[in-house]
Amino acid sequence: MQGTGTVEAICTAPKGGEPMEKHDTIEAVAGKGLRGDRYFDETGTYSNNAQVDAIPRDLTLFELETLDHVAADYDIDLDVTDHRRNVTVSDVAVDHLLDERFRIGDVVCEGVRLCEPCSYLEQITEDGVYDALVHRAGLNAAIVESGEISVGDTVEPL
């Protein structure tokens, strides 16, 4: 990752399957997630699933620019709440944050796994979303140091 990016949106869902809600600022808790999110409260789709439980889901990142590519390449218009990732950022190649530590506002994170889309996402949006987001559906990150994340915060490498 070179330079810095910007937080464009913050979204959480209180329980698995519920609509994403936008926030201006949110508390990020190390080893736990974003306060009020389904994974913080262990009510997310993959919570308590032994096969995937070892992968931290403290927060997920998504590139804003991907929405433009999906619109141009697949004629699918998605909102920042539609991709179901927590933090939408601009000017950051989130796949380059894999296995790296980075700061979002005053929160320190580490990229732990690239995200791929799931069939559920296509069920709640529209046909073609799954294919449109293959290999560009975001990044799972662990929160290493707690703090707050706000829209407009910078995203920078450590």
N, C-alpha and C. Protein backbone atom coordinates (compact mmCIF):
# COMPACT_ATOMS: atom_id res chain seq x y z
N MET A 1 0.85 -1.18 0.00
CA MET A 1 0.00 0.00 0.00
C MET A 1 0.88 1.23 0.00
N GLN A 2 0.56 2.16 -0.84
CA GLN A 2 1.31 3.41 -0.89
C GLN A 2 0.38 4.55 -0.52
N GLY A 3 0.88 5.53 0.22
CA GLY A 3 0.09 6.70 0.54
C GLY A 3 -1.05 6.39 1.49
N THR A 4 -2.05 7.25 1.46
CA THR A 4 -3.18 7.08 2.36
C THR A 4 -4.49 7.05 1.58
N GLY A 5 -5.47 6.47 2.20
CA GLY A 5 -6.82 6.44 1.65
C GLY A 5 -7.76 7.13 2.62
N THR A 6 -9.05 7.04 2.33
CA THR A 6 -10.06 7.73 3.13
C THR A 6 -11.24 6.81 3.40
N VAL A 7 -11.77 6.88 4.61
CA VAL A 7 -12.99 6.16 4.96
C VAL A 7 -14.16 6.93 4.34
N GLU A 8 -14.93 6.26 3.49
CA GLU A 8 -16.07 6.88 2.82
C GLU A 8 -17.41 6.51 3.46
N ALA A 9 -17.49 5.33 4.07
CA ALA A 9 -18.72 4.89 4.71
C ALA A 9 -18.40 3.84 5.77
N ILE A 10 -19.23 3.81 6.81
CA ILE A 10 -19.14 2.80 7.86
C ILE A 10 -20.53 2.20 8.00
N CYS A 11 -20.60 0.87 7.92
CA CYS A 11 -21.90 0.19 7.97
C CYS A 11 -21.82 -1.05 8.86
N THR A 12 -22.89 -1.29 9.59
CA THR A 12 -23.01 -2.50 10.39
C THR A 12 -24.42 -3.04 10.25
N ALA A 13 -24.58 -4.30 10.60
CA ALA A 13 -25.91 -4.92 10.70
C ALA A 13 -26.01 -5.51 12.10
N PRO A 14 -27.09 -5.24 12.81
CA PRO A 14 -27.21 -5.74 14.18
C PRO A 14 -27.27 -7.26 14.29
N LYS A 15 -27.79 -7.93 13.25
CA LYS A 15 -27.87 -9.40 13.24
C LYS A 15 -27.67 -9.87 11.81
N GLY A 16 -27.26 -11.13 11.66
CA GLY A 16 -27.10 -11.71 10.34
C GLY A 16 -28.39 -11.59 9.54
N GLY A 17 -28.29 -11.17 8.29
CA GLY A 17 -29.44 -11.05 7.42
C GLY A 17 -30.19 -9.74 7.52
N GLU A 18 -29.91 -8.93 8.53
CA GLU A 18 -30.59 -7.65 8.67
C GLU A 18 -29.91 -6.60 7.79
N PRO A 19 -30.65 -5.57 7.38
CA PRO A 19 -30.07 -4.51 6.54
C PRO A 19 -28.89 -3.81 7.24
N MET A 20 -27.96 -3.37 6.43
CA MET A 20 -26.81 -2.61 6.94
C MET A 20 -27.28 -1.20 7.29
N GLU A 21 -26.71 -0.66 8.37
CA GLU A 21 -27.01 0.69 8.84
C GLU A 21 -25.74 1.52 8.74
N LYS A 22 -25.86 2.77 8.27
CA LYS A 22 -24.71 3.66 8.15
C LYS A 22 -24.44 4.38 9.46
N HIS A 23 -23.14 4.66 9.70
CA HIS A 23 -22.71 5.39 10.89
C HIS A 23 -21.70 6.46 10.47
N ASP A 24 -21.68 7.56 11.20
CA ASP A 24 -20.65 8.58 10.99
C ASP A 24 -19.38 8.21 11.75
N THR A 25 -19.56 7.63 12.93
CA THR A 25 -18.46 7.22 13.80
C THR A 25 -18.87 5.94 14.49
N ILE A 26 -17.88 5.07 14.76
CA ILE A 26 -18.18 3.82 15.45
C ILE A 26 -16.99 3.42 16.31
N GLU A 27 -17.28 2.72 17.40
CA GLU A 27 -16.23 2.22 18.28
C GLU A 27 -15.74 0.88 17.75
N ALA A 28 -14.43 0.74 17.62
CA ALA A 28 -13.79 -0.50 17.18
C ALA A 28 -13.04 -1.09 18.37
N VAL A 29 -13.36 -2.33 18.72
CA VAL A 29 -12.82 -2.97 19.91
C VAL A 29 -11.88 -4.11 19.50
N ALA A 30 -10.64 -4.04 19.98
CA ALA A 30 -9.64 -5.06 19.63
C ALA A 30 -10.14 -6.46 19.97
N GLY A 31 -9.97 -7.36 18.99
CA GLY A 31 -10.33 -8.74 19.18
C GLY A 31 -11.83 -9.00 19.22
N LYS A 32 -12.62 -7.98 19.00
CA LYS A 32 -14.08 -8.13 19.12
C LYS A 32 -14.82 -7.64 17.89
N GLY A 33 -14.50 -6.42 17.42
CA GLY A 33 -15.17 -5.90 16.24
C GLY A 33 -15.73 -4.51 16.44
N LEU A 34 -16.71 -4.16 15.61
CA LEU A 34 -17.36 -2.86 15.67
C LEU A 34 -18.58 -2.98 16.57
N ARG A 35 -18.62 -2.13 17.59
CA ARG A 35 -19.72 -2.21 18.56
C ARG A 35 -21.07 -2.08 17.84
N GLY A 36 -21.94 -3.04 18.08
CA GLY A 36 -23.26 -3.04 17.47
C GLY A 36 -23.37 -3.88 16.21
N ASP A 37 -22.24 -4.35 15.69
CA ASP A 37 -22.28 -5.18 14.48
C ASP A 37 -22.61 -6.62 14.85
N ARG A 38 -23.14 -7.36 13.90
CA ARG A 38 -23.52 -8.76 14.09
C ARG A 38 -22.36 -9.64 14.53
N TYR A 39 -21.16 -9.38 14.08
CA TYR A 39 -20.03 -10.21 14.50
C TYR A 39 -19.52 -9.81 15.87
N PHE A 40 -19.65 -8.55 16.24
CA PHE A 40 -19.31 -8.11 17.60
C PHE A 40 -20.19 -8.86 18.59
N ASP A 41 -21.47 -8.98 18.25
CA ASP A 41 -22.44 -9.62 19.13
C ASP A 41 -22.59 -11.11 18.86
N GLU A 42 -21.75 -11.65 17.96
CA GLU A 42 -21.73 -13.07 17.61
C GLU A 42 -23.07 -13.57 17.08
N THR A 43 -23.73 -12.72 16.26
CA THR A 43 -24.98 -13.12 15.62
C THR A 43 -24.86 -13.08 14.10
N GLY A 44 -23.61 -12.98 13.60
CA GLY A 44 -23.38 -12.97 12.16
C GLY A 44 -23.50 -14.37 11.58
N THR A 45 -23.62 -14.44 10.28
CA THR A 45 -23.79 -15.71 9.59
C THR A 45 -22.70 -16.71 9.95
N TYR A 46 -21.45 -16.26 10.07
CA TYR A 46 -20.35 -17.18 10.33
C TYR A 46 -19.97 -17.25 11.81
N SER A 47 -20.71 -16.59 12.68
CA SER A 47 -20.43 -16.67 14.11
C SER A 47 -20.66 -18.10 14.60
N ASN A 48 -19.77 -18.53 15.47
CA ASN A 48 -19.89 -19.86 16.09
C ASN A 48 -19.93 -20.99 15.07
N ASN A 49 -19.25 -20.81 13.95
CA ASN A 49 -19.12 -21.83 12.93
C ASN A 49 -17.68 -22.34 13.01
N ALA A 50 -17.52 -23.57 13.47
CA ALA A 50 -16.19 -24.12 13.73
C ALA A 50 -15.28 -24.10 12.51
N GLN A 51 -15.85 -24.24 11.30
CA GLN A 51 -15.04 -24.28 10.09
C GLN A 51 -14.39 -22.94 9.79
N VAL A 52 -15.05 -21.85 10.14
CA VAL A 52 -14.53 -20.53 9.78
C VAL A 52 -14.29 -19.64 10.99
N ASP A 53 -14.54 -20.15 12.19
CA ASP A 53 -14.46 -19.34 13.40
C ASP A 53 -13.06 -18.81 13.69
N ALA A 54 -12.03 -19.48 13.19
CA ALA A 54 -10.67 -19.06 13.48
C ALA A 54 -10.26 -17.80 12.72
N ILE A 55 -11.05 -17.39 11.73
CA ILE A 55 -10.74 -16.21 10.94
C ILE A 55 -11.34 -14.98 11.61
N PRO A 56 -10.50 -14.04 12.05
CA PRO A 56 -11.08 -12.84 12.67
C PRO A 56 -11.97 -12.09 11.69
N ARG A 57 -13.12 -11.67 12.18
CA ARG A 57 -14.07 -10.86 11.41
C ARG A 57 -14.35 -9.58 12.19
N ASP A 58 -13.28 -9.02 12.77
CA ASP A 58 -13.46 -7.81 13.57
C ASP A 58 -14.06 -6.70 12.72
N LEU A 59 -13.55 -6.55 11.50
CA LEU A 59 -14.15 -5.62 10.55
C LEU A 59 -13.77 -6.04 9.15
N THR A 60 -14.55 -5.56 8.20
CA THR A 60 -14.28 -5.84 6.79
C THR A 60 -14.16 -4.53 6.04
N LEU A 61 -13.28 -4.53 5.04
CA LEU A 61 -13.06 -3.34 4.20
C LEU A 61 -13.47 -3.62 2.77
N PHE A 62 -13.86 -2.57 2.07
CA PHE A 62 -14.28 -2.68 0.68
C PHE A 62 -13.86 -1.41 -0.04
N GLU A 63 -13.41 -1.55 -1.29
CA GLU A 63 -12.96 -0.40 -2.08
C GLU A 63 -14.14 0.28 -2.77
N LEU A 64 -14.30 1.56 -2.55
CA LEU A 64 -15.35 2.34 -3.19
C LEU A 64 -15.26 2.24 -4.70
N GLU A 65 -14.06 2.25 -5.22
CA GLU A 65 -13.86 2.20 -6.67
C GLU A 65 -14.43 0.93 -7.30
N THR A 66 -14.53 -0.14 -6.52
CA THR A 66 -15.11 -1.38 -7.03
C THR A 66 -16.56 -1.17 -7.45
N LEU A 67 -17.28 -0.31 -6.74
CA LEU A 67 -18.68 -0.04 -7.10
C LEU A 67 -18.77 0.55 -8.51
N ASP A 68 -17.81 1.43 -8.85
CA ASP A 68 -17.78 2.00 -10.20
C ASP A 68 -17.49 0.92 -11.25
N HIS A 69 -16.55 0.03 -10.94
CA HIS A 69 -16.21 -1.05 -11.87
C HIS A 69 -17.39 -2.00 -12.07
N VAL A 70 -18.08 -2.32 -11.01
CA VAL A 70 -19.23 -3.21 -11.11
C VAL A 70 -20.33 -2.56 -11.96
N ALA A 71 -20.53 -1.28 -11.77
CA ALA A 71 -21.53 -0.56 -12.58
C ALA A 71 -21.13 -0.55 -14.06
N ALA A 72 -19.86 -0.26 -14.33
CA ALA A 72 -19.39 -0.17 -15.71
C ALA A 72 -19.31 -1.53 -16.39
N ASP A 73 -18.79 -2.53 -15.69
CA ASP A 73 -18.55 -3.84 -16.29
C ASP A 73 -19.76 -4.76 -16.29
N TYR A 74 -20.67 -4.59 -15.32
CA TYR A 74 -21.80 -5.52 -15.17
C TYR A 74 -23.16 -4.82 -15.19
N ASP A 75 -23.15 -3.51 -15.30
CA ASP A 75 -24.39 -2.73 -15.29
C ASP A 75 -25.21 -3.00 -14.02
N ILE A 76 -24.50 -3.08 -12.89
CA ILE A 76 -25.12 -3.30 -11.58
C ILE A 76 -24.76 -2.13 -10.69
N ASP A 77 -25.76 -1.45 -10.18
CA ASP A 77 -25.53 -0.32 -9.27
C ASP A 77 -25.72 -0.77 -7.83
N LEU A 78 -24.64 -0.72 -7.07
CA LEU A 78 -24.69 -1.10 -5.66
C LEU A 78 -24.43 0.11 -4.78
N ASP A 79 -25.11 0.18 -3.66
CA ASP A 79 -24.88 1.19 -2.65
C ASP A 79 -23.82 0.67 -1.69
N VAL A 80 -23.25 1.56 -0.88
CA VAL A 80 -22.24 1.12 0.10
C VAL A 80 -22.82 0.18 1.15
N THR A 81 -24.14 0.13 1.28
CA THR A 81 -24.74 -0.82 2.22
C THR A 81 -24.96 -2.19 1.57
N ASP A 82 -24.96 -2.25 0.26
CA ASP A 82 -25.29 -3.49 -0.45
C ASP A 82 -24.20 -4.55 -0.39
N HIS A 83 -22.93 -4.17 -0.36
CA HIS A 83 -21.86 -5.17 -0.40
C HIS A 83 -21.64 -5.85 0.95
N ARG A 84 -22.25 -5.33 2.01
CA ARG A 84 -22.27 -5.92 3.35
C ARG A 84 -20.92 -5.93 4.04
N ARG A 85 -19.99 -5.10 3.60
CA ARG A 85 -18.72 -4.92 4.31
C ARG A 85 -18.87 -3.71 5.22
N ASN A 86 -18.04 -3.64 6.27
CA ASN A 86 -18.19 -2.59 7.28
C ASN A 86 -17.66 -1.23 6.87
N VAL A 87 -16.45 -1.21 6.33
CA VAL A 87 -15.79 0.07 6.07
C VAL A 87 -15.47 0.18 4.58
N THR A 88 -16.10 1.16 3.94
CA THR A 88 -15.84 1.41 2.52
C THR A 88 -14.80 2.52 2.44
N VAL A 89 -13.72 2.26 1.69
CA VAL A 89 -12.60 3.20 1.60
C VAL A 89 -12.33 3.57 0.15
N SER A 90 -11.73 4.73 -0.03
CA SER A 90 -11.30 5.13 -1.38
C SER A 90 -9.79 5.28 -1.39
N ASP A 91 -9.21 5.14 -2.58
CA ASP A 91 -7.77 5.32 -2.79
C ASP A 91 -6.91 4.34 -2.00
N VAL A 92 -7.44 3.15 -1.74
CA VAL A 92 -6.71 2.11 -1.02
C VAL A 92 -6.96 0.78 -1.72
N ALA A 93 -5.91 0.10 -2.13
CA ALA A 93 -6.04 -1.26 -2.67
C ALA A 93 -6.08 -2.20 -1.47
N VAL A 94 -7.29 -2.58 -1.04
CA VAL A 94 -7.40 -3.34 0.21
C VAL A 94 -6.72 -4.69 0.14
N ASP A 95 -6.62 -5.28 -1.05
CA ASP A 95 -5.93 -6.57 -1.13
C ASP A 95 -4.44 -6.43 -0.80
N HIS A 96 -3.89 -5.24 -0.95
CA HIS A 96 -2.48 -5.01 -0.59
C HIS A 96 -2.29 -4.93 0.93
N LEU A 97 -3.39 -4.86 1.68
CA LEU A 97 -3.30 -4.81 3.14
C LEU A 97 -3.29 -6.19 3.77
N LEU A 98 -3.42 -7.24 2.96
CA LEU A 98 -3.36 -8.60 3.48
C LEU A 98 -2.02 -8.84 4.15
N ASP A 99 -2.05 -9.36 5.37
CA ASP A 99 -0.85 -9.65 6.17
C ASP A 99 -0.08 -8.39 6.56
N GLU A 100 -0.71 -7.24 6.47
CA GLU A 100 -0.06 -5.96 6.83
C GLU A 100 -0.84 -5.30 7.97
N ARG A 101 -0.11 -4.49 8.74
CA ARG A 101 -0.77 -3.65 9.75
C ARG A 101 -1.00 -2.28 9.15
N PHE A 102 -2.13 -1.70 9.51
CA PHE A 102 -2.50 -0.38 9.01
C PHE A 102 -3.38 0.31 10.04
N ARG A 103 -3.50 1.61 9.87
CA ARG A 103 -4.29 2.41 10.80
C ARG A 103 -5.49 2.99 10.05
N ILE A 104 -6.65 2.92 10.70
CA ILE A 104 -7.86 3.59 10.22
C ILE A 104 -8.23 4.56 11.33
N GLY A 105 -8.06 5.85 11.10
CA GLY A 105 -8.26 6.81 12.19
C GLY A 105 -7.25 6.50 13.28
N ASP A 106 -7.71 6.23 14.50
CA ASP A 106 -6.77 5.87 15.58
C ASP A 106 -6.81 4.37 15.89
N VAL A 107 -7.41 3.57 15.02
CA VAL A 107 -7.53 2.13 15.21
C VAL A 107 -6.45 1.42 14.41
N VAL A 108 -5.74 0.49 15.04
CA VAL A 108 -4.74 -0.31 14.35
C VAL A 108 -5.35 -1.65 13.99
N CYS A 109 -5.20 -2.03 12.72
CA CYS A 109 -5.77 -3.27 12.19
C CYS A 109 -4.69 -4.09 11.50
N GLU A 110 -5.02 -5.34 11.24
CA GLU A 110 -4.15 -6.20 10.43
C GLU A 110 -5.03 -6.98 9.46
N GLY A 111 -4.66 -6.94 8.18
CA GLY A 111 -5.41 -7.68 7.17
C GLY A 111 -5.16 -9.17 7.32
N VAL A 112 -6.22 -9.97 7.43
CA VAL A 112 -6.05 -11.39 7.71
C VAL A 112 -6.56 -12.31 6.61
N ARG A 113 -7.51 -11.85 5.79
CA ARG A 113 -8.03 -12.74 4.74
C ARG A 113 -8.79 -11.93 3.71
N LEU A 114 -8.56 -12.25 2.44
CA LEU A 114 -9.35 -11.63 1.38
C LEU A 114 -10.76 -12.20 1.42
N CYS A 115 -11.73 -11.35 1.18
CA CYS A 115 -13.14 -11.78 1.15
C CYS A 115 -13.52 -12.16 -0.27
N GLU A 116 -14.39 -13.12 -0.38
CA GLU A 116 -15.03 -13.45 -1.64
C GLU A 116 -16.53 -13.27 -1.43
N PRO A 117 -17.27 -13.04 -2.50
CA PRO A 117 -18.71 -12.88 -2.34
C PRO A 117 -19.36 -14.21 -1.99
N CYS A 118 -20.59 -14.14 -1.48
CA CYS A 118 -21.34 -15.36 -1.19
C CYS A 118 -22.65 -15.33 -1.97
N SER A 119 -23.24 -16.48 -2.11
CA SER A 119 -24.49 -16.55 -2.88
C SER A 119 -25.61 -15.76 -2.20
N TYR A 120 -25.55 -15.62 -0.89
CA TYR A 120 -26.56 -14.83 -0.17
C TYR A 120 -26.59 -13.39 -0.67
N LEU A 121 -25.42 -12.83 -0.94
CA LEU A 121 -25.34 -11.45 -1.42
C LEU A 121 -26.12 -11.28 -2.72
N GLU A 122 -26.00 -12.25 -3.60
CA GLU A 122 -26.74 -12.18 -4.86
C GLU A 122 -28.25 -12.33 -4.62
N GLN A 123 -28.63 -13.12 -3.64
CA GLN A 123 -30.05 -13.29 -3.31
C GLN A 123 -30.69 -11.98 -2.85
N ILE A 124 -29.93 -11.15 -2.13
CA ILE A 124 -30.52 -9.92 -1.59
C ILE A 124 -30.25 -8.69 -2.45
N THR A 125 -29.48 -8.86 -3.54
CA THR A 125 -29.23 -7.72 -4.43
C THR A 125 -29.81 -8.03 -5.81
N GLU A 126 -28.98 -8.53 -6.71
CA GLU A 126 -29.48 -8.88 -8.04
C GLU A 126 -28.56 -9.90 -8.71
N ASP A 127 -29.10 -10.56 -9.72
CA ASP A 127 -28.32 -11.55 -10.46
C ASP A 127 -27.05 -10.90 -11.01
N GLY A 128 -25.95 -11.63 -10.92
CA GLY A 128 -24.69 -11.14 -11.46
C GLY A 128 -23.76 -10.55 -10.43
N VAL A 129 -24.26 -10.24 -9.24
CA VAL A 129 -23.41 -9.62 -8.20
C VAL A 129 -22.29 -10.56 -7.78
N TYR A 130 -22.60 -11.84 -7.65
CA TYR A 130 -21.57 -12.80 -7.25
C TYR A 130 -20.39 -12.74 -8.23
N ASP A 131 -20.67 -12.89 -9.52
CA ASP A 131 -19.60 -12.86 -10.53
C ASP A 131 -18.90 -11.51 -10.55
N ALA A 132 -19.65 -10.44 -10.37
CA ALA A 132 -19.07 -9.09 -10.42
C ALA A 132 -18.06 -8.85 -9.30
N LEU A 133 -18.25 -9.52 -8.17
CA LEU A 133 -17.39 -9.27 -7.01
C LEU A 133 -16.33 -10.35 -6.75
N VAL A 134 -16.27 -11.37 -7.59
CA VAL A 134 -15.23 -12.39 -7.41
C VAL A 134 -13.86 -11.72 -7.47
N HIS A 135 -13.04 -11.99 -6.48
CA HIS A 135 -11.67 -11.47 -6.33
C HIS A 135 -11.60 -9.96 -6.10
N ARG A 136 -12.73 -9.34 -5.75
CA ARG A 136 -12.71 -7.92 -5.39
C ARG A 136 -13.82 -7.59 -4.40
N ALA A 137 -14.02 -8.52 -3.46
CA ALA A 137 -15.10 -8.36 -2.49
C ALA A 137 -14.63 -7.88 -1.13
N GLY A 138 -13.37 -7.50 -1.00
CA GLY A 138 -12.93 -6.88 0.25
C GLY A 138 -11.90 -7.68 1.02
N LEU A 139 -11.77 -7.29 2.29
CA LEU A 139 -10.73 -7.83 3.17
C LEU A 139 -11.27 -7.96 4.59
N ASN A 140 -11.02 -9.11 5.22
CA ASN A 140 -11.27 -9.27 6.65
C ASN A 140 -10.05 -8.74 7.39
N ALA A 141 -10.31 -8.02 8.48
CA ALA A 141 -9.20 -7.48 9.27
C ALA A 141 -9.44 -7.72 10.75
N ALA A 142 -8.35 -7.94 11.45
CA ALA A 142 -8.39 -8.02 12.91
C ALA A 142 -8.13 -6.62 13.46
N ILE A 143 -8.82 -6.27 14.52
CA ILE A 143 -8.55 -5.00 15.20
C ILE A 143 -7.52 -5.30 16.27
N VAL A 144 -6.36 -4.66 16.16
CA VAL A 144 -5.24 -4.90 17.06
C VAL A 144 -5.26 -3.90 18.22
N GLU A 145 -5.60 -2.65 17.94
CA GLU A 145 -5.71 -1.61 18.97
C GLU A 145 -7.04 -0.89 18.80
N SER A 146 -7.80 -0.82 19.90
CA SER A 146 -9.14 -0.23 19.89
C SER A 146 -9.10 1.27 19.67
N GLY A 147 -10.25 1.81 19.29
CA GLY A 147 -10.41 3.25 19.11
C GLY A 147 -11.70 3.53 18.36
N GLU A 148 -11.77 4.71 17.75
CA GLU A 148 -12.93 5.08 16.96
C GLU A 148 -12.55 5.23 15.50
N ILE A 149 -13.50 4.89 14.65
CA ILE A 149 -13.36 5.09 13.21
C ILE A 149 -14.48 6.04 12.79
N SER A 150 -14.13 7.05 12.00
CA SER A 150 -15.12 8.01 11.52
C SER A 150 -15.02 8.16 10.01
N VAL A 151 -16.15 8.48 9.39
CA VAL A 151 -16.13 8.82 7.98
C VAL A 151 -15.19 10.01 7.81
N GLY A 152 -14.31 9.92 6.80
CA GLY A 152 -13.32 10.96 6.57
C GLY A 152 -11.96 10.65 7.14
N ASP A 153 -11.86 9.64 8.03
CA ASP A 153 -10.57 9.25 8.59
C ASP A 153 -9.64 8.75 7.49
N THR A 154 -8.35 8.84 7.76
CA THR A 154 -7.38 8.31 6.82
C THR A 154 -7.12 6.82 7.09
N VAL A 155 -6.71 6.14 6.05
CA VAL A 155 -6.27 4.75 6.12
C VAL A 155 -4.82 4.78 5.67
N GLU A 156 -3.92 4.33 6.56
CA GLU A 156 -2.49 4.44 6.23
C GLU A 156 -1.72 3.24 6.72
N PRO A 157 -0.66 2.87 6.01
CA PRO A 157 0.17 1.74 6.42
C PRO A 157 0.97 2.08 7.67
N LEU A 158 1.34 1.06 8.41
CA LEU A 158 2.22 1.24 9.57
C LEU A 158 3.58 0.65 9.28
